[in-house]
Each structure stands twice: as C-alpha cells, then as structure tokens.
N, C-alpha and C. Protein backbone atom coordinates (compact mmCIF):
# COMPACT_ATOMS: atom_id res chain seq x y z
N MET A 1 240.28 138.45 78.17
CA MET A 1 240.30 138.97 76.83
C MET A 1 240.92 140.35 76.87
N LYS A 2 241.94 140.56 76.13
CA LYS A 2 242.64 141.82 75.98
C LYS A 2 242.02 142.68 74.95
N VAL A 3 241.68 143.91 75.31
CA VAL A 3 241.07 144.82 74.38
C VAL A 3 242.07 145.89 73.98
N ALA A 4 242.19 146.10 72.69
CA ALA A 4 243.17 147.08 72.17
C ALA A 4 242.78 148.46 72.72
N ILE A 5 243.72 149.14 73.34
CA ILE A 5 243.52 150.46 73.87
C ILE A 5 243.31 151.39 72.71
N GLY A 6 242.43 152.39 72.88
CA GLY A 6 242.17 153.37 71.85
C GLY A 6 240.89 153.16 71.07
N HIS A 7 240.25 152.06 71.24
CA HIS A 7 238.97 151.84 70.61
C HIS A 7 237.86 152.42 71.48
N GLU A 8 237.13 153.38 70.89
CA GLU A 8 236.09 153.97 71.70
C GLU A 8 234.96 153.01 72.02
N LEU A 9 234.44 152.24 71.01
CA LEU A 9 233.43 151.27 71.16
C LEU A 9 233.84 149.94 70.60
N VAL A 10 233.49 148.84 71.24
CA VAL A 10 233.79 147.52 70.82
C VAL A 10 232.46 146.73 70.79
N ALA A 11 232.17 146.14 69.66
CA ALA A 11 230.88 145.32 69.48
C ALA A 11 231.24 143.85 69.57
N PHE A 12 230.34 143.11 70.17
CA PHE A 12 230.46 141.67 70.19
C PHE A 12 229.10 141.10 69.74
N LEU A 13 229.15 140.13 68.83
CA LEU A 13 227.96 139.45 68.41
C LEU A 13 228.34 138.09 67.86
N ASP A 14 227.35 137.21 67.94
CA ASP A 14 227.60 135.86 67.49
C ASP A 14 227.80 135.88 65.99
N GLY A 15 228.73 135.11 65.48
CA GLY A 15 229.09 135.12 64.07
C GLY A 15 228.37 134.04 63.27
N ASP A 16 227.27 133.51 63.84
CA ASP A 16 226.53 132.42 63.16
C ASP A 16 225.33 132.87 62.45
N GLY A 17 225.10 134.19 62.38
CA GLY A 17 223.97 134.74 61.68
C GLY A 17 222.76 134.94 62.60
N SER A 18 222.86 134.59 63.84
CA SER A 18 221.72 134.71 64.75
C SER A 18 221.55 136.18 65.19
N CYS A 19 222.55 136.96 65.14
CA CYS A 19 222.49 138.37 65.50
C CYS A 19 222.43 139.15 64.16
N ASP A 20 221.77 140.28 64.13
CA ASP A 20 221.60 141.07 62.97
C ASP A 20 222.55 142.28 63.02
N PRO A 21 223.68 142.25 62.27
CA PRO A 21 224.68 143.31 62.34
C PRO A 21 224.09 144.66 62.00
N SER A 22 223.01 144.72 61.31
CA SER A 22 222.39 146.01 60.88
C SER A 22 221.89 146.76 62.11
N GLU A 23 221.72 146.07 63.24
CA GLU A 23 221.27 146.69 64.52
C GLU A 23 222.41 147.47 65.20
N LEU A 24 223.62 147.38 64.70
CA LEU A 24 224.75 148.07 65.36
C LEU A 24 224.56 149.56 65.45
N ALA A 25 223.99 150.16 64.46
CA ALA A 25 223.80 151.62 64.45
C ALA A 25 222.88 152.03 65.63
N ALA A 26 221.83 151.21 65.86
CA ALA A 26 220.89 151.49 66.95
C ALA A 26 221.58 151.32 68.30
N MET A 27 222.49 150.39 68.36
CA MET A 27 223.22 150.14 69.62
C MET A 27 224.15 151.34 69.90
N VAL A 28 224.83 151.83 68.87
CA VAL A 28 225.66 153.03 69.05
C VAL A 28 224.81 154.21 69.46
N THR A 29 223.64 154.41 68.85
CA THR A 29 222.77 155.52 69.26
C THR A 29 222.30 155.36 70.65
N ALA A 30 221.98 154.14 71.08
CA ALA A 30 221.60 153.90 72.48
C ALA A 30 222.75 154.26 73.44
N ALA A 31 223.93 153.94 73.09
CA ALA A 31 225.11 154.28 73.92
C ALA A 31 225.23 155.77 74.05
N GLU A 32 225.10 156.47 72.92
CA GLU A 32 225.24 157.92 72.93
C GLU A 32 224.11 158.60 73.70
N GLU A 33 222.87 158.20 73.41
CA GLU A 33 221.70 158.84 74.02
C GLU A 33 221.62 158.64 75.53
N HIS A 34 222.07 157.49 76.01
CA HIS A 34 222.00 157.16 77.40
C HIS A 34 223.27 157.33 78.16
N GLY A 35 224.35 157.70 77.46
CA GLY A 35 225.63 157.78 78.13
C GLY A 35 226.08 156.43 78.64
N ALA A 36 225.76 155.38 77.89
CA ALA A 36 225.98 153.97 78.40
C ALA A 36 227.41 153.55 78.19
N ASP A 37 227.90 152.74 79.08
CA ASP A 37 229.20 152.11 78.98
C ASP A 37 229.02 150.74 78.35
N LEU A 38 227.86 150.14 78.52
CA LEU A 38 227.50 148.87 77.95
C LEU A 38 226.09 148.84 77.49
N VAL A 39 225.90 148.48 76.25
CA VAL A 39 224.57 148.34 75.66
C VAL A 39 224.36 146.87 75.37
N LEU A 40 223.26 146.31 75.91
CA LEU A 40 222.96 144.89 75.70
C LEU A 40 221.77 144.82 74.75
N GLY A 41 221.90 144.04 73.70
CA GLY A 41 220.85 143.81 72.74
C GLY A 41 219.90 142.72 73.25
N ARG A 42 218.99 143.17 74.11
CA ARG A 42 218.03 142.26 74.79
C ARG A 42 217.14 141.54 73.70
N ARG A 43 217.17 140.23 73.70
CA ARG A 43 216.48 139.45 72.72
C ARG A 43 214.92 139.49 72.97
N GLU A 44 214.31 140.46 72.35
CA GLU A 44 212.86 140.57 72.42
C GLU A 44 212.15 139.91 71.29
N HIS A 45 212.81 139.93 70.15
CA HIS A 45 212.23 139.35 68.92
C HIS A 45 213.01 138.08 68.56
N VAL A 46 212.59 136.95 69.09
CA VAL A 46 213.26 135.64 68.93
C VAL A 46 212.49 134.85 67.86
N ASP A 47 213.15 134.55 66.77
CA ASP A 47 212.49 133.75 65.71
C ASP A 47 212.27 132.34 66.21
N PRO A 48 211.15 131.72 65.79
CA PRO A 48 210.83 130.37 66.18
C PRO A 48 211.98 129.43 65.90
N GLY A 49 212.37 128.64 66.87
CA GLY A 49 213.46 127.68 66.71
C GLY A 49 214.84 128.25 66.92
N ALA A 50 214.96 129.59 67.26
CA ALA A 50 216.29 130.16 67.35
C ALA A 50 216.87 129.96 68.72
N LEU A 51 216.08 129.74 69.77
CA LEU A 51 216.52 129.61 71.08
C LEU A 51 215.66 128.57 71.86
N PRO A 52 216.26 127.39 72.09
CA PRO A 52 215.47 126.28 72.70
C PRO A 52 214.99 126.72 74.12
N LEU A 53 213.88 126.07 74.51
CA LEU A 53 213.30 126.41 75.81
C LEU A 53 214.25 126.33 76.96
N HIS A 54 215.12 125.28 77.06
CA HIS A 54 216.06 125.18 78.14
C HIS A 54 217.10 126.31 78.14
N ALA A 55 217.45 126.78 77.02
CA ALA A 55 218.40 127.90 76.90
C ALA A 55 217.70 129.19 77.31
N ARG A 56 216.45 129.36 76.96
CA ARG A 56 215.73 130.54 77.47
C ARG A 56 215.61 130.58 78.98
N PHE A 57 215.31 129.40 79.52
CA PHE A 57 215.12 129.27 80.95
C PHE A 57 216.45 129.62 81.70
N GLY A 58 217.54 128.98 81.20
CA GLY A 58 218.85 129.23 81.81
C GLY A 58 219.26 130.66 81.73
N ASN A 59 219.04 131.28 80.58
CA ASN A 59 219.40 132.69 80.41
C ASN A 59 218.60 133.55 81.34
N ARG A 60 217.34 133.34 81.50
CA ARG A 60 216.51 134.12 82.39
C ARG A 60 216.93 133.93 83.85
N LEU A 61 217.31 132.70 84.20
CA LEU A 61 217.69 132.41 85.56
C LEU A 61 219.01 133.19 85.91
N VAL A 62 219.99 133.10 85.07
CA VAL A 62 221.25 133.80 85.28
C VAL A 62 221.02 135.29 85.34
N ALA A 63 220.18 135.78 84.49
CA ALA A 63 219.91 137.23 84.46
C ALA A 63 219.19 137.69 85.73
N LYS A 64 218.28 136.87 86.29
CA LYS A 64 217.60 137.14 87.53
C LYS A 64 218.65 137.16 88.72
N VAL A 65 219.57 136.20 88.69
CA VAL A 65 220.58 136.14 89.73
C VAL A 65 221.37 137.45 89.75
N LEU A 66 221.83 137.86 88.54
CA LEU A 66 222.67 139.04 88.40
C LEU A 66 221.85 140.27 88.83
N SER A 67 220.59 140.33 88.44
CA SER A 67 219.72 141.45 88.78
C SER A 67 219.52 141.55 90.31
N PHE A 68 219.28 140.36 90.92
CA PHE A 68 219.08 140.34 92.40
C PHE A 68 220.37 140.73 93.10
N ARG A 69 221.49 140.23 92.69
CA ARG A 69 222.72 140.50 93.41
C ARG A 69 223.18 141.93 93.25
N THR A 70 222.88 142.57 92.08
CA THR A 70 223.35 143.96 91.85
C THR A 70 222.27 144.97 92.15
N GLY A 71 221.03 144.60 92.27
CA GLY A 71 219.96 145.53 92.40
C GLY A 71 219.66 146.29 91.14
N GLN A 72 220.15 145.86 90.00
CA GLN A 72 219.95 146.50 88.68
C GLN A 72 219.04 145.63 87.85
N PRO A 73 218.18 146.25 87.05
CA PRO A 73 217.32 145.44 86.20
C PRO A 73 218.06 144.76 85.06
N LEU A 74 217.68 143.57 84.73
CA LEU A 74 218.38 142.89 83.66
C LEU A 74 217.43 141.84 83.12
N GLY A 75 217.20 141.89 81.78
CA GLY A 75 216.27 140.93 81.17
C GLY A 75 216.88 139.85 80.29
N ASP A 76 218.17 139.99 80.03
CA ASP A 76 218.82 139.05 79.08
C ASP A 76 220.36 139.07 79.23
N LEU A 77 220.97 137.97 78.90
CA LEU A 77 222.40 137.89 78.70
C LEU A 77 222.64 137.71 77.20
N PRO A 78 222.58 138.73 76.46
CA PRO A 78 222.55 138.57 74.98
C PRO A 78 223.87 138.36 74.36
N PRO A 79 223.85 137.79 73.16
CA PRO A 79 225.13 137.61 72.39
C PRO A 79 225.54 138.92 71.69
N PHE A 80 224.62 139.91 71.60
CA PHE A 80 224.93 141.18 70.92
C PHE A 80 225.15 142.25 72.03
N LYS A 81 226.43 142.78 72.05
CA LYS A 81 226.79 143.71 73.13
C LYS A 81 227.63 144.78 72.48
N LEU A 82 227.52 145.99 72.97
CA LEU A 82 228.37 147.09 72.63
C LEU A 82 228.95 147.72 73.88
N ALA A 83 230.27 147.84 73.94
CA ALA A 83 230.89 148.33 75.15
C ALA A 83 231.90 149.47 74.85
N ARG A 84 232.07 150.41 75.77
CA ARG A 84 233.11 151.37 75.64
C ARG A 84 234.46 150.69 75.93
N GLY A 85 235.46 150.98 75.09
CA GLY A 85 236.74 150.32 75.23
C GLY A 85 237.37 150.60 76.57
N ASP A 86 237.23 151.79 77.15
CA ASP A 86 237.87 152.05 78.46
C ASP A 86 237.17 151.26 79.56
N ALA A 87 235.84 151.10 79.43
CA ALA A 87 235.14 150.33 80.46
C ALA A 87 235.61 148.83 80.42
N LEU A 88 235.76 148.31 79.17
CA LEU A 88 236.24 146.92 79.03
C LEU A 88 237.58 146.75 79.68
N GLU A 89 238.45 147.69 79.42
CA GLU A 89 239.79 147.64 79.99
C GLU A 89 239.76 147.66 81.51
N ASN A 90 238.95 148.58 82.10
CA ASN A 90 238.86 148.74 83.53
C ASN A 90 238.21 147.53 84.24
N LEU A 91 237.35 146.83 83.55
CA LEU A 91 236.68 145.67 84.14
C LEU A 91 237.66 144.46 84.32
N ARG A 92 238.73 144.44 83.60
CA ARG A 92 239.73 143.34 83.64
C ARG A 92 239.08 142.00 83.54
N LEU A 93 238.37 141.77 82.48
CA LEU A 93 237.68 140.52 82.26
C LEU A 93 238.74 139.40 82.02
N ASP A 94 238.54 138.26 82.66
CA ASP A 94 239.52 137.17 82.48
C ASP A 94 238.88 135.80 82.38
N GLU A 95 237.58 135.78 82.25
CA GLU A 95 236.87 134.47 82.07
C GLU A 95 237.03 133.99 80.63
N PRO A 96 237.65 132.85 80.40
CA PRO A 96 237.90 132.43 79.05
C PRO A 96 236.75 131.62 78.39
N GLY A 97 235.79 131.19 79.19
CA GLY A 97 234.78 130.29 78.67
C GLY A 97 233.36 130.86 78.59
N PHE A 98 232.41 130.02 78.89
CA PHE A 98 231.00 130.36 78.81
C PHE A 98 230.64 131.51 79.75
N GLY A 99 231.38 131.72 80.77
CA GLY A 99 231.07 132.76 81.71
C GLY A 99 231.52 134.14 81.37
N TRP A 100 232.10 134.35 80.17
CA TRP A 100 232.60 135.70 79.83
C TRP A 100 231.51 136.77 79.76
N THR A 101 230.37 136.43 79.14
CA THR A 101 229.29 137.45 79.10
C THR A 101 228.73 137.73 80.49
N VAL A 102 228.63 136.66 81.31
CA VAL A 102 228.19 136.78 82.69
C VAL A 102 229.14 137.74 83.46
N GLN A 103 230.41 137.48 83.29
CA GLN A 103 231.40 138.32 83.93
C GLN A 103 231.31 139.77 83.47
N LEU A 104 231.19 139.97 82.19
CA LEU A 104 231.05 141.34 81.63
C LEU A 104 229.84 142.03 82.17
N VAL A 105 228.71 141.38 82.12
CA VAL A 105 227.43 142.02 82.57
C VAL A 105 227.43 142.14 84.13
N GLY A 106 227.84 141.16 84.80
CA GLY A 106 227.88 141.21 86.27
C GLY A 106 228.74 142.27 86.82
N ARG A 107 229.95 142.36 86.29
CA ARG A 107 230.85 143.42 86.77
C ARG A 107 230.39 144.80 86.34
N SER A 108 229.85 144.94 85.22
CA SER A 108 229.30 146.21 84.73
C SER A 108 228.15 146.65 85.60
N LEU A 109 227.21 145.75 85.88
CA LEU A 109 226.07 146.11 86.75
C LEU A 109 226.53 146.49 88.13
N ALA A 110 227.47 145.79 88.66
CA ALA A 110 227.92 146.04 90.00
C ALA A 110 228.80 147.28 90.18
N HIS A 111 229.38 147.76 89.12
CA HIS A 111 230.26 148.89 89.15
C HIS A 111 229.47 150.19 89.26
N PRO A 112 229.66 150.92 90.35
CA PRO A 112 228.78 152.16 90.50
C PRO A 112 229.02 153.26 89.48
N ALA A 113 230.15 153.22 88.79
CA ALA A 113 230.40 154.29 87.82
C ALA A 113 230.02 153.93 86.37
N LEU A 114 229.59 152.71 86.14
CA LEU A 114 229.22 152.28 84.81
C LEU A 114 227.74 152.27 84.62
N ARG A 115 227.31 152.64 83.43
CA ARG A 115 225.86 152.61 83.08
C ARG A 115 225.66 151.57 82.01
N VAL A 116 224.68 150.69 82.34
CA VAL A 116 224.28 149.59 81.43
C VAL A 116 222.85 149.79 80.98
N VAL A 117 222.61 149.72 79.70
CA VAL A 117 221.29 149.83 79.17
C VAL A 117 220.99 148.69 78.25
N GLU A 118 219.74 148.34 78.13
CA GLU A 118 219.30 147.25 77.22
C GLU A 118 218.42 147.94 76.13
N ARG A 119 218.55 147.35 74.94
CA ARG A 119 217.67 147.82 73.92
C ARG A 119 217.22 146.60 73.17
N PRO A 120 215.95 146.67 72.63
CA PRO A 120 215.40 145.47 71.96
C PRO A 120 216.26 145.05 70.76
N SER A 121 216.39 143.77 70.58
CA SER A 121 217.17 143.15 69.48
C SER A 121 216.44 141.95 68.96
N ARG A 122 216.78 141.60 67.78
CA ARG A 122 216.25 140.38 67.15
C ARG A 122 217.26 139.25 67.26
N PHE A 123 216.72 138.10 67.43
CA PHE A 123 217.59 136.84 67.48
C PHE A 123 217.00 135.86 66.48
N ARG A 124 217.85 135.48 65.48
CA ARG A 124 217.41 134.64 64.40
C ARG A 124 217.89 133.23 64.53
N VAL A 125 217.35 132.34 63.78
CA VAL A 125 217.88 130.98 63.65
C VAL A 125 219.30 131.11 63.04
N ARG A 126 220.22 130.40 63.55
CA ARG A 126 221.61 130.43 63.06
C ARG A 126 221.59 129.99 61.60
N THR A 127 222.48 130.64 60.82
CA THR A 127 222.60 130.32 59.37
C THR A 127 223.93 129.56 59.10
N GLY A 128 224.76 129.51 60.13
CA GLY A 128 226.10 128.86 59.95
C GLY A 128 226.59 128.27 61.25
N GLY A 129 227.42 127.25 61.12
CA GLY A 129 228.06 126.66 62.27
C GLY A 129 227.11 125.79 63.12
N ILE A 130 227.70 125.10 64.05
CA ILE A 130 226.91 124.20 64.96
C ILE A 130 227.18 124.66 66.38
N SER A 131 226.11 124.79 67.10
CA SER A 131 226.22 125.25 68.53
C SER A 131 226.88 124.13 69.41
N LYS A 132 227.80 124.55 70.23
CA LYS A 132 228.45 123.64 71.15
C LYS A 132 227.53 123.43 72.37
N VAL A 133 226.50 124.26 72.52
CA VAL A 133 225.74 124.27 73.67
C VAL A 133 224.24 124.18 73.44
N SER A 134 223.65 125.18 72.86
CA SER A 134 222.18 125.37 72.95
C SER A 134 221.39 124.28 72.25
N GLY A 135 221.92 123.51 71.35
CA GLY A 135 221.19 122.48 70.68
C GLY A 135 220.97 121.25 71.49
N ARG A 136 221.68 121.04 72.61
CA ARG A 136 221.63 119.84 73.38
C ARG A 136 221.48 120.10 74.85
N LEU A 137 220.70 119.29 75.55
CA LEU A 137 220.46 119.54 76.95
C LEU A 137 221.68 119.42 77.84
N GLY A 138 222.42 118.36 77.67
CA GLY A 138 223.65 118.07 78.52
C GLY A 138 224.62 119.26 78.52
N PRO A 139 225.09 119.66 77.35
CA PRO A 139 226.06 120.82 77.29
C PRO A 139 225.38 122.07 77.81
N SER A 140 224.11 122.25 77.59
CA SER A 140 223.44 123.47 78.13
C SER A 140 223.41 123.45 79.61
N VAL A 141 223.18 122.31 80.23
CA VAL A 141 223.17 122.24 81.69
C VAL A 141 224.58 122.55 82.23
N ARG A 142 225.59 122.01 81.59
CA ARG A 142 227.00 122.31 82.04
C ARG A 142 227.34 123.74 81.87
N ALA A 143 226.96 124.35 80.75
CA ALA A 143 227.24 125.74 80.47
C ALA A 143 226.46 126.61 81.51
N GLY A 144 225.21 126.21 81.70
CA GLY A 144 224.37 126.98 82.63
C GLY A 144 224.89 126.94 84.02
N SER A 145 225.40 125.84 84.49
CA SER A 145 225.98 125.65 85.79
C SER A 145 227.23 126.56 85.93
N ALA A 146 228.07 126.58 84.94
CA ALA A 146 229.26 127.46 84.98
C ALA A 146 228.83 128.93 84.97
N MET A 147 227.80 129.24 84.20
CA MET A 147 227.33 130.61 84.19
C MET A 147 226.68 131.07 85.53
N LEU A 148 226.00 130.19 86.16
CA LEU A 148 225.45 130.52 87.49
C LEU A 148 226.56 130.79 88.50
N GLY A 149 227.54 129.90 88.46
CA GLY A 149 228.72 130.08 89.34
C GLY A 149 229.40 131.43 89.13
N ARG A 150 229.58 131.75 87.83
CA ARG A 150 230.19 133.02 87.51
C ARG A 150 229.32 134.23 87.94
N ALA A 151 227.99 134.05 87.84
CA ALA A 151 227.07 135.14 88.23
C ALA A 151 227.23 135.52 89.69
N GLY A 152 227.36 134.53 90.54
CA GLY A 152 227.57 134.79 91.94
C GLY A 152 228.91 135.52 92.22
N HIS A 153 229.92 135.09 91.53
CA HIS A 153 231.24 135.68 91.74
C HIS A 153 231.42 137.07 91.08
N SER A 154 230.88 137.25 89.89
CA SER A 154 231.12 138.45 89.13
C SER A 154 230.25 139.53 89.40
N SER A 155 229.19 139.34 90.24
CA SER A 155 228.23 140.41 90.51
C SER A 155 228.63 141.14 91.80
N SER A 156 229.81 140.80 92.36
CA SER A 156 230.28 141.50 93.55
C SER A 156 231.25 142.61 93.11
N PHE A 157 230.96 143.79 93.54
CA PHE A 157 231.86 144.92 93.22
C PHE A 157 233.25 144.66 93.72
N ARG A 158 233.41 143.96 94.84
CA ARG A 158 234.76 143.75 95.40
C ARG A 158 235.69 143.09 94.42
N ASP A 159 235.25 142.07 93.67
CA ASP A 159 236.19 141.32 92.87
C ASP A 159 236.59 142.16 91.65
N THR A 160 235.97 143.24 91.39
CA THR A 160 236.35 144.07 90.27
C THR A 160 237.40 145.09 90.68
N LEU A 161 237.35 145.69 91.86
CA LEU A 161 238.21 146.80 92.16
C LEU A 161 239.13 146.55 93.34
N ASP A 162 239.06 145.57 94.12
CA ASP A 162 239.92 145.35 95.27
C ASP A 162 241.39 145.54 94.94
N SER A 163 241.86 144.82 94.00
CA SER A 163 243.28 144.86 93.69
C SER A 163 243.69 146.18 93.05
N ALA A 164 242.76 146.90 92.40
CA ALA A 164 243.07 148.16 91.78
C ALA A 164 243.16 149.30 92.74
N THR A 165 242.49 149.19 93.88
CA THR A 165 242.40 150.24 94.84
C THR A 165 243.26 150.03 96.04
N SER A 166 243.91 148.89 96.10
CA SER A 166 244.76 148.62 97.27
C SER A 166 246.13 149.30 97.17
C-alpha cells in the first residue's frame, strides 16, 4: 500500500459501519498523549453478533503470536487503526491481502523506534456490505491461516530493515 507523503496521520477503519468514526478524535488524542506511531482501537466493547466466536478466537491467537514474537503486549488486531504517515512509509508494507493488518502491527511492534498503543474501541454489527470472511467458517480458517503465516514473518525486525540498512 502506497501512502501519500506529507500526511501526518492516516486512519484505517472498516467501511461497513462496524467501526465508529466518532472515536477518531480519541485515537488522535491517544497518539499525541503517548507519542504513538500506531494507535490500535482494541475492540473492548463488541456488540452481540458483531464478531463470531471463531473470528474472536483467530484474532486472539494471531495477537498472541505477535505478542510472543515481539515481546510487546497486544490484545487485538483491530480494524480501526491510526498511524503516523512517516511510520507507514518506513515500514514498507507490501501485503495485499488479509495479512496487511498483521504486517502493519507485527512490523510496528518489532521496530525498536516505533511506539504502539492500544485504546478501547467499540465494534458494532455491520450495517452494510457482506463479509468475505467472518460470517463463514471456511473463509475464516483460510484467512486465519494466512494471518498466522504473516504473523511469523512480519514480527521479525530483520524483514523490516535489512534492505534499508545494507
């Protein structure tokens, strides 16, 4: 994903109504107060029916893998994220599929100069669109497998900076 140079902060959120855009101001405040390069909207308030059990399990499993590999605490791989534009550019994200968030979070946690913080967020039942993944077990298993693979690869500091420092 190419990020336009010059943007101080870039927000990412699901466009299906499951994320509450009114929380953006609190995400910006968290970035400022904590000097964060990446703010994750950790889904603490999940509306009934918004996130199936298998999706919750997979999310927690991938978050635990990233946390274990990086030594950094992580409770969620949320759809609502706020990142500093320069950090996004330096991470050189190139995952086009389900592993993009895993790559973003894994590389950010593994990078010694980046600060990642989580703040509570709400996750609602989608109001538009149809999920390609979370509504069905088969696609969720395939996406989860891809995310686990990306978690192992993206949580290594080496794959972020080797080519930049050579």
